[in-house]
Amino acid sequence: MNDRFRMYETRFHRIIWSMEYLDAYLVKEKKKRCVLLPAPDRVEYIPDADDEVEITFILLPARWLKRPGKLAEKLSRISRRRPPGRQVWYEDRLQMPFLPGLFWMKRFYREQPVRENMIVLLPDLGEEEPERKLMRQEQWMQEFLGEDYGELNGLLLVSTALPESSGSLPVTESFAYYRHIYQDTGLPVICAGRLPEYFRQKAAGRTVCIDARLGGSVPYRSLPEKTLYLDMAPDMEKARLLNAKRKDVCYRSVRMYLDTFVRKRYNTNRCKSEEKGRRHLPSGAFAVNEQERE
């Protein structure tokens, strides 16, 4: 066992407990107010937390949407005042891009239906030299997949570090994490420069494709029938292409997942807040406060 594999074994079995921090930018819903009183032009911060995620809802005045030229500048100014290293989410109306971190990619994947075959379109990770790119992609796979490979019968990695003409190459012996998977389950890890066309013939409904690339083409011709396509770097062009060329493919994105997560947490938080702001009457009804009447 070489030093790299021994180092991997040490890191792999160490459990690290940490809280994920999320800043969610939403536009405040307008409330009926007296026409003589202007709506306050201030940002509200509402914290919320559970066992895994501490989220701060950052509520922006609706009037900010009327000046899109100033909106990006204001959002940038707010974000600079926030602690670094936090995941950021923006609602669609703000038209600001965001890239989900690995925590959300893993959480999104683990809540999907189980598929026995996995295709991973690996991220480039900013490396030019092929061997170093493959090493960093191995680290990414370790962070993303961890020990969640026990139900897999096939694992194919697609990397731009390999020429498209190289065919499918075994990488089990070359990298510690892939070797660990093989020794644990007997599953060989295969890598290729592109998704082989013969994959289209694999059994329908048994494949998940993890797309972790920023941009890049979608191998829609080679995807097996009824593939579950999980877009980890959300791109509406990918969604439109698959909808046009492969309606049998089920497209889901981590952006959709985060949108649902944030909205659900925000609505739950708002319901709790409204409940606290009311008081019971002897009849069992609620007394409505003055703010709700406005």
C-alpha atoms as a PDB file:
ATOM      1  CA  MET A   1       0.000   0.000   0.000  1.00  0.00           C
ATOM      2  CA  ASN A   2       1.619   3.259  -1.117  1.00  0.00           C
ATOM      3  CA  ASP A   3       1.713   6.535   0.815  1.00  0.00           C
ATOM      4  CA  ARG A   4      -1.098   8.121  -1.170  1.00  0.00           C
ATOM      5  CA  PHE A   5      -3.452   5.225  -0.397  1.00  0.00           C
ATOM      6  CA  ARG A   6      -2.463   5.232   3.301  1.00  0.00           C
ATOM      7  CA  MET A   7      -3.131   8.984   3.468  1.00  0.00           C
ATOM      8  CA  TYR A   8      -6.506   8.433   1.785  1.00  0.00           C
ATOM      9  CA  GLU A   9      -7.456   5.709   4.275  1.00  0.00           C
ATOM     10  CA  THR A  10      -6.724   8.072   7.183  1.00  0.00           C
ATOM     11  CA  ARG A  11      -8.787  10.902   5.732  1.00  0.00           C
ATOM     12  CA  PHE A  12     -11.608   8.674   4.540  1.00  0.00           C
ATOM     13  CA  HIS A  13     -12.437   7.229   7.957  1.00  0.00           C
ATOM     14  CA  ARG A  14     -12.270  10.518   9.845  1.00  0.00           C
ATOM     15  CA  ILE A  15     -15.730  11.951  10.556  1.00  0.00           C
ATOM     16  CA  ILE A  16     -15.922  15.733  10.417  1.00  0.00           C
ATOM     17  CA  TRP A  17     -19.038  17.381  11.826  1.00  0.00           C
ATOM     18  CA  SER A  18     -19.697  20.873  10.509  1.00  0.00           C
ATOM     19  CA  MET A  19     -22.552  23.301   9.964  1.00  0.00           C
ATOM     20  CA  GLU A  20     -23.394  24.512   6.466  1.00  0.00           C
ATOM     21  CA  TYR A  21     -24.109  28.256   6.155  1.00  0.00           C
ATOM     22  CA  LEU A  22     -26.490  29.598   3.513  1.00  0.00           C
ATOM     23  CA  ASP A  23     -27.426  33.166   2.594  1.00  0.00           C
ATOM     24  CA  ALA A  24     -30.761  33.249   0.738  1.00  0.00           C
ATOM     25  CA  TYR A  25     -31.637  36.494  -1.063  1.00  0.00           C
ATOM     26  CA  LEU A  26     -35.366  37.042  -1.593  1.00  0.00           C
ATOM     27  CA  VAL A  27     -37.536  39.987  -2.548  1.00  0.00           C
ATOM     28  CA  LYS A  28     -39.955  41.078   0.164  1.00  0.00           C
ATOM     29  CA  GLU A  29     -43.595  40.644  -0.733  1.00  0.00           C
ATOM     30  CA  LYS A  30     -45.471  43.943  -0.801  1.00  0.00           C
ATOM     31  CA  LYS A  31     -47.949  44.613   2.009  1.00  0.00           C
ATOM     32  CA  LYS A  32     -50.896  46.975   1.922  1.00  0.00           C
ATOM     33  CA  ARG A  33     -49.892  50.211   3.566  1.00  0.00           C
ATOM     34  CA  CYS A  34     -51.248  53.672   3.997  1.00  0.00           C
ATOM     35  CA  VAL A  35     -50.569  55.630   0.778  1.00  0.00           C
ATOM     36  CA  LEU A  36     -49.213  58.527   2.843  1.00  0.00           C
ATOM     37  CA  LEU A  37     -46.490  56.345   4.357  1.00  0.00           C
ATOM     38  CA  PRO A  38     -43.627  55.290   2.038  1.00  0.00           C
ATOM     39  CA  ALA A  39     -42.501  51.669   2.161  1.00  0.00           C
ATOM     40  CA  PRO A  40     -39.272  51.276   4.147  1.00  0.00           C
ATOM     41  CA  ASP A  41     -36.201  50.912   1.911  1.00  0.00           C
ATOM     42  CA  ARG A  42     -34.174  48.642   4.160  1.00  0.00           C
ATOM     43  CA  VAL A  43     -32.871  45.084   4.071  1.00  0.00           C
ATOM     44  CA  GLU A  44     -34.159  42.580   6.634  1.00  0.00           C
ATOM     45  CA  TYR A  45     -32.134  39.646   7.977  1.00  0.00           C
ATOM     46  CA  ILE A  46     -33.978  36.602   9.364  1.00  0.00           C
ATOM     47  CA  PRO A  47     -31.824  33.768  10.791  1.00  0.00           C
ATOM     48  CA  ASP A  48     -32.969  30.152  10.990  1.00  0.00           C
ATOM     49  CA  ALA A  49     -31.131  26.895  11.767  1.00  0.00           C
ATOM     50  CA  ASP A  50     -31.527  23.153  12.101  1.00  0.00           C
ATOM     51  CA  ASP A  51     -29.039  20.357  12.802  1.00  0.00           C
ATOM     52  CA  GLU A  52     -27.224  20.757   9.455  1.00  0.00           C
ATOM     53  CA  VAL A  53     -27.938  24.150   7.918  1.00  0.00           C
ATOM     54  CA  GLU A  54     -27.866  27.646   9.338  1.00  0.00           C
ATOM     55  CA  ILE A  55     -29.717  29.861   6.886  1.00  0.00           C
ATOM     56  CA  THR A  56     -30.081  33.637   6.804  1.00  0.00           C
ATOM     57  CA  PHE A  57     -32.976  34.994   4.751  1.00  0.00           C
ATOM     58  CA  ILE A  58     -31.939  38.357   3.321  1.00  0.00           C
ATOM     59  CA  LEU A  59     -35.141  40.177   2.343  1.00  0.00           C
ATOM     60  CA  LEU A  60     -34.723  42.975  -0.191  1.00  0.00           C
ATOM     61  CA  PRO A  61     -37.167  45.845  -0.872  1.00  0.00           C
ATOM     62  CA  ALA A  62     -39.331  45.117  -3.926  1.00  0.00           C
ATOM     63  CA  ARG A  63     -38.603  48.598  -5.333  1.00  0.00           C
ATOM     64  CA  TRP A  64     -34.986  47.546  -5.955  1.00  0.00           C
ATOM     65  CA  LEU A  65     -36.218  45.484  -8.920  1.00  0.00           C
ATOM     66  CA  LYS A  66     -37.196  48.702 -10.690  1.00  0.00           C
ATOM     67  CA  ARG A  67     -33.517  49.684 -11.058  1.00  0.00           C
ATOM     68  CA  PRO A  68     -31.698  46.582 -12.379  1.00  0.00           C
ATOM     69  CA  GLY A  69     -28.596  48.636 -13.140  1.00  0.00           C
ATOM     70  CA  LYS A  70     -28.147  49.397  -9.433  1.00  0.00           C
ATOM     71  CA  LEU A  71     -29.374  46.025  -8.185  1.00  0.00           C
ATOM     72  CA  ALA A  72     -26.150  44.054  -8.848  1.00  0.00           C
ATOM     73  CA  GLU A  73     -24.100  46.782  -7.172  1.00  0.00           C
ATOM     74  CA  LYS A  74     -26.302  46.726  -4.061  1.00  0.00           C
ATOM     75  CA  LEU A  75     -26.212  42.925  -3.850  1.00  0.00           C
ATOM     76  CA  SER A  76     -22.432  42.938  -4.175  1.00  0.00           C
ATOM     77  CA  ARG A  77     -22.175  45.500  -1.369  1.00  0.00           C
ATOM     78  CA  ILE A  78     -24.344  43.351   0.911  1.00  0.00           C
ATOM     79  CA  SER A  79     -22.405  40.160   0.151  1.00  0.00           C
ATOM     80  CA  ARG A  80     -19.068  41.827   0.968  1.00  0.00           C
ATOM     81  CA  ARG A  81     -20.345  42.468   4.489  1.00  0.00           C
ATOM     82  CA  ARG A  82     -21.311  38.817   5.003  1.00  0.00           C
ATOM     83  CA  PRO A  83     -18.884  36.207   6.451  1.00  0.00           C
ATOM     84  CA  PRO A  84     -16.800  34.534   3.716  1.00  0.00           C
ATOM     85  CA  GLY A  85     -17.199  30.938   2.583  1.00  0.00           C
ATOM     86  CA  ARG A  86     -21.004  30.810   2.772  1.00  0.00           C
ATOM     87  CA  GLN A  87     -23.246  29.255   0.136  1.00  0.00           C
ATOM     88  CA  VAL A  88     -25.290  31.949  -1.608  1.00  0.00           C
ATOM     89  CA  TRP A  89     -28.698  31.509  -3.274  1.00  0.00           C
ATOM     90  CA  TYR A  90     -30.619  34.155  -5.223  1.00  0.00           C
ATOM     91  CA  GLU A  91     -34.244  33.948  -6.264  1.00  0.00           C
ATOM     92  CA  ASP A  92     -34.898  34.086 -10.024  1.00  0.00           C
ATOM     93  CA  ARG A  93     -36.154  37.672 -10.097  1.00  0.00           C
ATOM     94  CA  LEU A  94     -32.730  38.908  -8.974  1.00  0.00           C
ATOM     95  CA  GLN A  95     -31.070  37.316 -12.036  1.00  0.00           C
ATOM     96  CA  MET A  96     -27.804  36.701 -10.197  1.00  0.00           C
ATOM     97  CA  PRO A  97     -25.777  33.527 -10.895  1.00  0.00           C
ATOM     98  CA  PHE A  98     -24.712  31.206  -8.097  1.00  0.00           C
ATOM     99  CA  LEU A  99     -22.816  27.918  -8.049  1.00  0.00           C
ATOM    100  CA  PRO A 100     -23.909  25.313  -5.481  1.00  0.00           C
ATOM    101  CA  GLY A 101     -21.171  23.831  -3.286  1.00  0.00           C
ATOM    102  CA  LEU A 102     -20.409  20.153  -2.765  1.00  0.00           C
ATOM    103  CA  PHE A 103     -22.582  19.962   0.362  1.00  0.00           C
ATOM    104  CA  TRP A 104     -25.677  20.723  -1.705  1.00  0.00           C
ATOM    105  CA  MET A 105     -24.596  18.506  -4.610  1.00  0.00           C
ATOM    106  CA  LYS A 106     -24.221  15.539  -2.242  1.00  0.00           C
ATOM    107  CA  ARG A 107     -27.502  16.267  -0.458  1.00  0.00           C
ATOM    108  CA  PHE A 108     -29.328  16.627  -3.791  1.00  0.00           C
ATOM    109  CA  TYR A 109     -27.910  13.352  -5.151  1.00  0.00           C
ATOM    110  CA  ARG A 110     -28.650  11.372  -2.003  1.00  0.00           C
ATOM    111  CA  GLU A 111     -32.332  12.311  -2.122  1.00  0.00           C
ATOM    112  CA  GLN A 112     -32.778  10.941  -5.663  1.00  0.00           C
ATOM    113  CA  PRO A 113     -34.050   7.450  -6.619  1.00  0.00           C
ATOM    114  CA  VAL A 114     -31.319   4.792  -6.628  1.00  0.00           C
ATOM    115  CA  ARG A 115     -29.826   3.856 -10.008  1.00  0.00           C
ATOM    116  CA  GLU A 116     -27.373   0.974 -10.446  1.00  0.00           C
ATOM    117  CA  ASN A 117     -25.277   2.605 -13.191  1.00  0.00           C
ATOM    118  CA  MET A 118     -23.598   5.976 -12.765  1.00  0.00           C
ATOM    119  CA  ILE A 119     -22.049   8.284 -15.358  1.00  0.00           C
ATOM    120  CA  VAL A 120     -20.145  11.307 -14.030  1.00  0.00           C
ATOM    121  CA  LEU A 121     -19.234  14.208 -16.310  1.00  0.00           C
ATOM    122  CA  LEU A 122     -16.340  15.486 -14.191  1.00  0.00           C
ATOM    123  CA  PRO A 123     -15.605  19.195 -13.595  1.00  0.00           C
ATOM    124  CA  ASP A 124     -12.437  20.688 -15.089  1.00  0.00           C
ATOM    125  CA  LEU A 125     -11.338  22.282 -11.768  1.00  0.00           C
ATOM    126  CA  GLY A 126      -9.048  24.776 -13.519  1.00  0.00           C
ATOM    127  CA  GLU A 127      -6.185  22.372 -14.222  1.00  0.00           C
ATOM    128  CA  GLU A 128      -4.405  22.183 -17.587  1.00  0.00           C
ATOM    129  CA  GLU A 129      -1.963  19.275 -17.103  1.00  0.00           C
ATOM    130  CA  PRO A 130      -3.891  16.001 -17.685  1.00  0.00           C
ATOM    131  CA  GLU A 131      -2.394  13.939 -14.837  1.00  0.00           C
ATOM    132  CA  ARG A 132      -2.901  16.688 -12.287  1.00  0.00           C
ATOM    133  CA  LYS A 133      -6.461  17.219 -13.532  1.00  0.00           C
ATOM    134  CA  LEU A 134      -7.225  13.526 -13.072  1.00  0.00           C
ATOM    135  CA  MET A 135      -5.804  13.650  -9.529  1.00  0.00           C
ATOM    136  CA  ARG A 136      -7.983  16.608  -8.582  1.00  0.00           C
ATOM    137  CA  GLN A 137     -11.005  14.969 -10.168  1.00  0.00           C
ATOM    138  CA  GLU A 138     -10.336  11.884  -8.035  1.00  0.00           C
ATOM    139  CA  GLN A 139     -10.381  14.119  -4.943  1.00  0.00           C
ATOM    140  CA  TRP A 140     -13.648  15.652  -6.128  1.00  0.00           C
ATOM    141  CA  MET A 141     -15.175  12.181  -6.586  1.00  0.00           C
ATOM    142  CA  GLN A 142     -14.050  11.213  -3.083  1.00  0.00           C
ATOM    143  CA  GLU A 143     -15.703  14.330  -1.637  1.00  0.00           C
ATOM    144  CA  PHE A 144     -18.870  13.890  -3.686  1.00  0.00           C
ATOM    145  CA  LEU A 145     -19.503  10.134  -3.594  1.00  0.00           C
ATOM    146  CA  GLY A 146     -17.757   9.094  -0.380  1.00  0.00           C
ATOM    147  CA  GLU A 147     -19.029   5.645   0.595  1.00  0.00           C
ATOM    148  CA  ASP A 148     -22.285   5.866  -1.394  1.00  0.00           C
ATOM    149  CA  TYR A 149     -21.173   3.371  -4.041  1.00  0.00           C
ATOM    150  CA  GLY A 150     -22.421   0.125  -2.486  1.00  0.00           C
ATOM    151  CA  GLU A 151     -25.464  -0.192  -4.796  1.00  0.00           C
ATOM    152  CA  LEU A 152     -23.605   0.630  -8.018  1.00  0.00           C
ATOM    153  CA  ASN A 153     -22.973  -1.979 -10.696  1.00  0.00           C
ATOM    154  CA  GLY A 154     -21.261   0.432 -13.077  1.00  0.00           C
ATOM    155  CA  LEU A 155     -19.246   3.640 -12.661  1.00  0.00           C
ATOM    156  CA  LEU A 156     -18.011   5.546 -15.720  1.00  0.00           C
ATOM    157  CA  LEU A 157     -16.175   8.867 -15.413  1.00  0.00           C
ATOM    158  CA  VAL A 158     -15.960  11.264 -18.367  1.00  0.00           C
ATOM    159  CA  SER A 159     -12.979  13.634 -18.159  1.00  0.00           C
ATOM    160  CA  THR A 160     -11.632  16.310 -20.483  1.00  0.00           C
ATOM    161  CA  ALA A 161      -8.154  15.248 -19.303  1.00  0.00           C
ATOM    162  CA  LEU A 162      -8.415  12.322 -21.755  1.00  0.00           C
ATOM    163  CA  PRO A 163      -8.660  12.625 -25.553  1.00  0.00           C
ATOM    164  CA  GLU A 164     -12.107  11.747 -26.908  1.00  0.00           C
ATOM    165  CA  SER A 165     -10.436   9.115 -29.111  1.00  0.00           C
ATOM    166  CA  SER A 166      -8.814   7.320 -26.142  1.00  0.00           C
ATOM    167  CA  GLY A 167     -11.748   4.980 -25.551  1.00  0.00           C
ATOM    168  CA  SER A 168     -12.608   3.626 -22.095  1.00  0.00           C
ATOM    169  CA  LEU A 169      -9.656   3.129 -19.726  1.00  0.00           C
ATOM    170  CA  PRO A 170      -9.572   1.419 -16.304  1.00  0.00           C
ATOM    171  CA  VAL A 171      -8.269   3.742 -13.567  1.00  0.00           C
ATOM    172  CA  THR A 172      -8.686   1.416 -10.587  1.00  0.00           C
ATOM    173  CA  GLU A 173      -4.969   0.790 -10.057  1.00  0.00           C
ATOM    174  CA  SER A 174      -3.852   4.357 -10.706  1.00  0.00           C
ATOM    175  CA  PHE A 175      -5.805   6.206  -8.009  1.00  0.00           C
ATOM    176  CA  ALA A 176      -6.256   5.408  -4.314  1.00  0.00           C
ATOM    177  CA  TYR A 177      -9.962   6.209  -4.024  1.00  0.00           C
ATOM    178  CA  TYR A 178     -10.910   4.158  -7.078  1.00  0.00           C
ATOM    179  CA  ARG A 179      -8.756   1.305  -5.790  1.00  0.00           C
ATOM    180  CA  HIS A 180     -10.576   1.497  -2.456  1.00  0.00           C
ATOM    181  CA  ILE A 181     -13.933   1.159  -4.255  1.00  0.00           C
ATOM    182  CA  TYR A 182     -12.673  -1.918  -6.128  1.00  0.00           C
ATOM    183  CA  GLN A 183     -11.247  -3.569  -3.008  1.00  0.00           C
ATOM    184  CA  ASP A 184     -14.453  -2.860  -1.087  1.00  0.00           C
ATOM    185  CA  THR A 185     -17.008  -3.953  -3.718  1.00  0.00           C
ATOM    186  CA  GLY A 186     -15.209  -5.421  -6.752  1.00  0.00           C
ATOM    187  CA  LEU A 187     -16.521  -2.497  -8.858  1.00  0.00           C
ATOM    188  CA  PRO A 188     -13.920  -1.321 -11.419  1.00  0.00           C
ATOM    189  CA  VAL A 189     -13.895   2.421 -12.193  1.00  0.00           C
ATOM    190  CA  ILE A 190     -13.664   3.300 -15.900  1.00  0.00           C
ATOM    191  CA  CYS A 191     -12.673   6.691 -17.354  1.00  0.00           C
ATOM    192  CA  ALA A 192     -13.175   8.038 -20.877  1.00  0.00           C
ATOM    193  CA  GLY A 193     -12.791  11.258 -22.850  1.00  0.00           C
ATOM    194  CA  ARG A 194     -16.431  11.067 -23.977  1.00  0.00           C
ATOM    195  CA  LEU A 195     -19.483   8.958 -23.289  1.00  0.00           C
ATOM    196  CA  PRO A 196     -19.334   5.931 -25.638  1.00  0.00           C
ATOM    197  CA  GLU A 197     -22.239   5.621 -28.070  1.00  0.00           C
ATOM    198  CA  TYR A 198     -22.888   1.990 -27.076  1.00  0.00           C
ATOM    199  CA  PHE A 199     -24.144   3.230 -23.683  1.00  0.00           C
ATOM    200  CA  ARG A 200     -27.415   4.100 -25.430  1.00  0.00           C
ATOM    201  CA  GLN A 201     -28.123   0.349 -25.559  1.00  0.00           C
ATOM    202  CA  LYS A 202     -27.973  -0.169 -21.788  1.00  0.00           C
ATOM    203  CA  ALA A 203     -31.164  -1.116 -19.950  1.00  0.00           C
ATOM    204  CA  ALA A 204     -33.694   1.697 -19.621  1.00  0.00           C
ATOM    205  CA  GLY A 205     -34.277   3.447 -16.299  1.00  0.00           C
ATOM    206  CA  ARG A 206     -31.158   2.143 -14.558  1.00  0.00           C
ATOM    207  CA  THR A 207     -28.688   4.994 -15.121  1.00  0.00           C
ATOM    208  CA  VAL A 208     -28.005   8.294 -13.382  1.00  0.00           C
ATOM    209  CA  CYS A 209     -25.822  10.906 -15.090  1.00  0.00           C
ATOM    210  CA  ILE A 210     -24.105  13.420 -12.802  1.00  0.00           C
ATOM    211  CA  ASP A 211     -23.162  16.541 -14.789  1.00  0.00           C
ATOM    212  CA  ALA A 212     -20.734  18.627 -12.731  1.00  0.00           C
ATOM    213  CA  ARG A 213     -19.295  20.682 -15.598  1.00  0.00           C
ATOM    214  CA  LEU A 214     -19.679  24.396 -16.156  1.00  0.00           C
ATOM    215  CA  GLY A 215     -20.889  24.500 -19.738  1.00  0.00           C
ATOM    216  CA  GLY A 216     -19.817  21.719 -22.054  1.00  0.00           C
ATOM    217  CA  SER A 217     -21.947  19.653 -24.408  1.00  0.00           C
ATOM    218  CA  VAL A 218     -24.632  17.227 -23.268  1.00  0.00           C
ATOM    219  CA  PRO A 219     -24.001  13.679 -24.602  1.00  0.00           C
ATOM    220  CA  TYR A 220     -27.699  13.233 -25.357  1.00  0.00           C
ATOM    221  CA  ARG A 221     -27.148  10.745 -28.198  1.00  0.00           C
ATOM    222  CA  SER A 222     -25.342   8.265 -25.915  1.00  0.00           C
ATOM    223  CA  LEU A 223     -27.476   8.446 -22.775  1.00  0.00           C
ATOM    224  CA  PRO A 224     -29.420   5.251 -22.015  1.00  0.00           C
ATOM    225  CA  GLU A 225     -33.207   5.428 -22.220  1.00  0.00           C
ATOM    226  CA  LYS A 226     -34.924   7.111 -19.257  1.00  0.00           C
ATOM    227  CA  THR A 227     -31.659   8.308 -17.714  1.00  0.00           C
ATOM    228  CA  LEU A 228     -31.943  10.419 -14.561  1.00  0.00           C
ATOM    229  CA  TYR A 229     -29.868  13.515 -15.444  1.00  0.00           C
ATOM    230  CA  LEU A 230     -28.688  15.522 -12.423  1.00  0.00           C
ATOM    231  CA  ASP A 231     -27.255  18.923 -13.336  1.00  0.00           C
ATOM    232  CA  MET A 232     -24.849  20.043 -10.600  1.00  0.00           C
ATOM    233  CA  ALA A 233     -23.842  23.250 -12.444  1.00  0.00           C
ATOM    234  CA  PRO A 234     -27.325  24.450 -13.444  1.00  0.00           C
ATOM    235  CA  ASP A 235     -27.604  25.557 -17.059  1.00  0.00           C
ATOM    236  CA  MET A 236     -30.990  26.131 -18.709  1.00  0.00           C
ATOM    237  CA  GLU A 237     -29.453  25.403 -22.119  1.00  0.00           C
ATOM    238  CA  LYS A 238     -28.855  21.810 -21.001  1.00  0.00           C
ATOM    239  CA  ALA A 239     -32.459  21.557 -19.855  1.00  0.00           C
ATOM    240  CA  ARG A 240     -33.767  22.963 -23.154  1.00  0.00           C
ATOM    241  CA  LEU A 241     -31.547  20.654 -25.226  1.00  0.00           C
ATOM    242  CA  LEU A 242     -32.627  17.526 -23.372  1.00  0.00           C
ATOM    243  CA  ASN A 243     -36.263  18.574 -23.567  1.00  0.00           C
ATOM    244  CA  ALA A 244     -35.927  19.014 -27.331  1.00  0.00           C
ATOM    245  CA  LYS A 245     -33.766  15.973 -28.156  1.00  0.00           C
ATOM    246  CA  ARG A 246     -34.451  13.434 -25.390  1.00  0.00           C
ATOM    247  CA  LYS A 247     -37.853  13.770 -23.777  1.00  0.00           C
ATOM    248  CA  ASP A 248     -37.380  10.364 -22.151  1.00  0.00           C
ATOM    249  CA  VAL A 249     -34.505  11.725 -20.030  1.00  0.00           C
ATOM    250  CA  CYS A 250     -35.534  13.070 -16.614  1.00  0.00           C
ATOM    251  CA  TYR A 251     -33.688  16.380 -16.055  1.00  0.00           C
ATOM    252  CA  ARG A 252     -33.298  17.699 -12.513  1.00  0.00           C
ATOM    253  CA  SER A 253     -30.944  20.372 -11.228  1.00  0.00           C
ATOM    254  CA  VAL A 254     -29.462  21.272  -7.884  1.00  0.00           C
ATOM    255  CA  ARG A 255     -30.829  24.779  -8.510  1.00  0.00           C
ATOM    256  CA  MET A 256     -34.374  23.381  -8.505  1.00  0.00           C
ATOM    257  CA  TYR A 257     -33.547  21.486  -5.323  1.00  0.00           C
ATOM    258  CA  LEU A 258     -32.156  24.568  -3.559  1.00  0.00           C
ATOM    259  CA  ASP A 259     -35.112  26.694  -4.694  1.00  0.00           C
ATOM    260  CA  THR A 260     -37.523  24.217  -3.121  1.00  0.00           C
ATOM    261  CA  PHE A 261     -35.414  23.915   0.038  1.00  0.00           C
ATOM    262  CA  VAL A 262     -35.195  27.683   0.583  1.00  0.00           C
ATOM    263  CA  ARG A 263     -38.868  28.357  -0.176  1.00  0.00           C
ATOM    264  CA  LYS A 264     -40.002  25.598   2.164  1.00  0.00           C
ATOM    265  CA  ARG A 265     -37.782  26.835   5.001  1.00  0.00           C
ATOM    266  CA  TYR A 266     -38.842  30.451   4.428  1.00  0.00           C
ATOM    267  CA  ASN A 267     -42.558  29.614   4.418  1.00  0.00           C
ATOM    268  CA  THR A 268     -42.156  27.516   7.568  1.00  0.00           C
ATOM    269  CA  ASN A 269     -40.261  30.359   9.259  1.00  0.00           C
ATOM    270  CA  ARG A 270     -42.889  32.905   8.199  1.00  0.00           C
ATOM    271  CA  CYS A 271     -45.757  30.737   9.474  1.00  0.00           C
ATOM    272  CA  LYS A 272     -44.037  30.379  12.850  1.00  0.00           C
ATOM    273  CA  SER A 273     -43.444  34.131  12.999  1.00  0.00           C
ATOM    274  CA  GLU A 274     -47.074  34.932  12.166  1.00  0.00           C
ATOM    275  CA  GLU A 275     -48.242  32.445  14.789  1.00  0.00           C
ATOM    276  CA  LYS A 276     -46.152  34.193  17.444  1.00  0.00           C
ATOM    277  CA  GLY A 277     -47.584  37.563  16.390  1.00  0.00           C
ATOM    278  CA  ARG A 278     -51.166  36.522  17.112  1.00  0.00           C
ATOM    279  CA  ARG A 279     -52.941  36.027  20.438  1.00  0.00           C
ATOM    280  CA  HIS A 280     -55.827  33.688  21.187  1.00  0.00           C
ATOM    281  CA  LEU A 281     -59.234  35.069  22.104  1.00  0.00           C
ATOM    282  CA  PRO A 282     -61.486  33.266  24.615  1.00  0.00           C
ATOM    283  CA  SER A 283     -63.556  31.985  21.671  1.00  0.00           C
ATOM    284  CA  GLY A 284     -60.517  30.178  20.278  1.00  0.00           C
ATOM    285  CA  ALA A 285     -60.128  32.656  17.397  1.00  0.00           C
ATOM    286  CA  PHE A 286     -57.090  34.852  16.808  1.00  0.00           C
ATOM    287  CA  ALA A 287     -56.750  38.561  17.419  1.00  0.00           C
ATOM    288  CA  VAL A 288     -55.114  40.240  14.416  1.00  0.00           C
ATOM    289  CA  ASN A 289     -52.435  42.804  15.180  1.00  0.00           C
ATOM    290  CA  GLU A 290     -52.346  46.243  13.591  1.00  0.00           C
ATOM    291  CA  GLN A 291     -49.454  45.382  11.282  1.00  0.00           C
ATOM    292  CA  GLU A 292     -51.506  42.610   9.649  1.00  0.00           C
ATOM    293  CA  ARG A 293     -54.392  45.038   9.038  1.00  0.00           C
ATOM    294  CA  GLU A 294     -52.210  47.418   7.046  1.00  0.00           C
END
